Protein backbone atom coordinates (compact mmCIF):
# COMPACT_ATOMS: atom_id res chain seq x y z
CA MET A 1 -1.46 137.01 4.65
CA SER A 2 0.56 136.89 1.45
CA ILE A 3 0.96 139.36 -1.37
CA LYS A 4 0.45 137.91 -4.85
CA ILE A 5 2.02 139.71 -7.82
CA LYS A 6 1.13 138.53 -11.32
CA THR A 7 3.61 139.56 -14.03
CA GLU A 8 4.32 139.08 -17.70
CA LYS A 9 7.92 138.67 -18.86
CA VAL A 10 8.86 141.07 -21.66
CA VAL A 11 12.06 142.04 -23.45
CA GLU A 12 12.54 145.67 -24.43
CA LYS A 13 15.64 146.73 -26.32
CA GLY A 14 17.40 143.56 -25.18
CA ILE A 15 16.62 144.08 -21.49
CA ALA A 16 14.61 141.59 -19.40
CA LYS A 17 11.62 143.32 -17.85
CA ARG A 18 8.34 142.51 -16.14
CA LYS A 19 4.95 144.04 -16.74
CA ILE A 20 2.92 144.12 -13.51
CA LEU A 21 -0.50 142.68 -14.34
CA ALA A 22 -2.07 142.46 -10.86
CA ILE A 23 -1.25 142.78 -7.18
CA GLU A 24 -3.45 141.11 -4.56
CA GLY A 25 -3.38 140.62 -0.81
CA VAL A 26 -1.97 144.00 0.17
CA ILE A 27 -3.48 145.36 3.40
CA PRO A 28 -5.19 148.73 2.79
CA HIS A 29 -3.38 151.82 4.08
CA ASP A 30 -6.10 152.66 6.61
CA GLU A 31 -5.85 149.17 8.19
CA LEU A 32 -2.09 149.26 8.76
CA PRO A 33 -0.65 149.99 12.23
CA LEU A 34 0.56 153.55 12.76
CA GLU A 35 3.99 152.35 13.89
CA TYR A 36 4.39 150.50 10.59
CA LEU A 37 3.64 153.60 8.50
CA GLN A 38 5.81 155.98 10.52
CA THR A 39 9.17 154.59 9.37
CA HIS A 40 10.58 152.65 6.42
CA PRO A 41 10.23 150.07 5.11
CA TYR A 42 6.47 149.78 4.60
CA ALA A 43 4.17 148.84 1.71
CA PHE A 44 0.60 149.68 0.81
CA LEU A 45 -1.56 149.73 -2.31
CA GLN A 46 -2.99 153.06 -3.42
CA HIS A 47 -5.95 153.18 -5.81
CA TYR A 48 -6.30 155.89 -8.44
CA THR A 49 -8.98 156.42 -11.05
CA ASP A 50 -6.53 155.33 -13.74
CA GLY A 51 -4.86 152.47 -11.88
CA GLN A 52 -3.10 151.29 -8.76
CA ILE A 53 0.38 151.88 -7.37
CA LEU A 54 2.09 149.68 -4.80
CA HIS A 55 4.06 152.07 -2.60
CA MET A 56 7.07 150.58 -0.87
CA GLY A 57 8.41 153.19 1.51
CA GLY A 58 12.15 153.07 1.25
CA CYS A 59 11.96 150.54 -1.60
CA GLY A 60 10.30 152.48 -4.45
CA CYS A 61 6.95 151.77 -6.05
CA ALA A 62 5.37 149.54 -8.69
CA ASP A 63 2.69 150.80 -11.06
CA ILE A 64 0.00 148.31 -12.08
CA ASP A 65 0.37 147.87 -15.85
CA GLY A 66 3.82 149.45 -15.54
CA VAL A 67 7.03 147.79 -16.70
CA MET A 68 10.10 147.26 -14.47
CA GLU A 69 13.54 145.95 -15.29
CA GLU A 70 14.06 142.48 -13.82
CA VAL A 71 16.84 143.67 -11.52
CA GLU A 72 14.58 146.33 -10.00
CA PHE A 73 11.71 143.85 -9.74
CA GLN A 74 13.87 141.42 -7.76
CA LYS A 75 14.98 144.27 -5.45
CA SER A 76 11.30 145.12 -4.95
CA LEU A 77 10.52 141.51 -4.01
CA ASP A 78 13.32 141.57 -1.44
CA GLY A 79 12.01 144.89 -0.11
CA LEU A 80 8.47 143.53 0.15
CA GLY A 81 9.81 140.55 2.12
CA THR A 82 11.46 142.96 4.55
CA CYS A 83 8.22 144.96 4.80
CA GLY A 84 6.28 141.79 5.57
CA GLU A 85 8.72 140.72 8.28
CA ARG A 86 8.54 144.15 9.87
CA LEU A 87 4.73 144.20 9.78
CA HIS A 88 4.61 140.74 11.35
CA SER A 89 6.91 141.88 14.18
CA ILE A 90 4.78 144.97 14.83
CA ASN A 91 1.58 142.91 14.79
CA GLN A 92 3.11 140.54 17.37
CA LYS A 93 3.84 143.54 19.64
CA ILE A 94 0.27 144.78 19.21
CA LYS A 95 -1.10 141.33 20.03
CA ALA A 96 0.99 141.18 23.23
CA LEU A 97 -0.14 144.69 24.21
CA LYS A 98 -3.81 143.78 23.71
CA GLU A 99 -3.36 140.77 26.00
CA THR A 100 -1.92 142.87 28.82
CA TRP A 101 -3.56 146.27 28.35
CA ASN A 102 -7.18 145.71 29.31
CA GLY A 103 -9.58 146.19 32.16
CA GLU A 104 -10.82 149.30 33.91
CA GLU A 105 -9.16 151.77 36.25
CA THR A 106 -10.58 154.52 38.40
CA PHE A 107 -8.58 157.59 39.30
CA ILE A 108 -9.56 159.84 42.21
CA ILE A 109 -7.90 163.21 42.27
C-alpha cells in the first residue's frame, strides 16, 4: 500500500513551502501492529473534528491544510519512506509467525 500526499506549492516571504491538501492510503492507528507503534519511526493518520494530522513518530507531524517549508516536507517524505520500510519488515515477521504458529496443543498438569 502506498501513501499519497497531495500538495500545493506556495511562496511565503520568499520561502518555498507546501500546503498539504490531502493524505490518502495511511493505515488507521488501530490496524497497525503493536510492535510498529511501540518504537520510532512510525506513522498514522489521526482524525479530529476540525481536520486530520499525520503523526510521524520520530519524524514530526503534518497538518492537513497546514503549510510546511519545503526542506521540512522533504525530510518528512524521507521519514515516511523509513516508516514504510519498517512496517513492511514487521509485517513480513508477522506473516512468517502466522505460518508457523498454528494448530492446537493440550497441556496436562
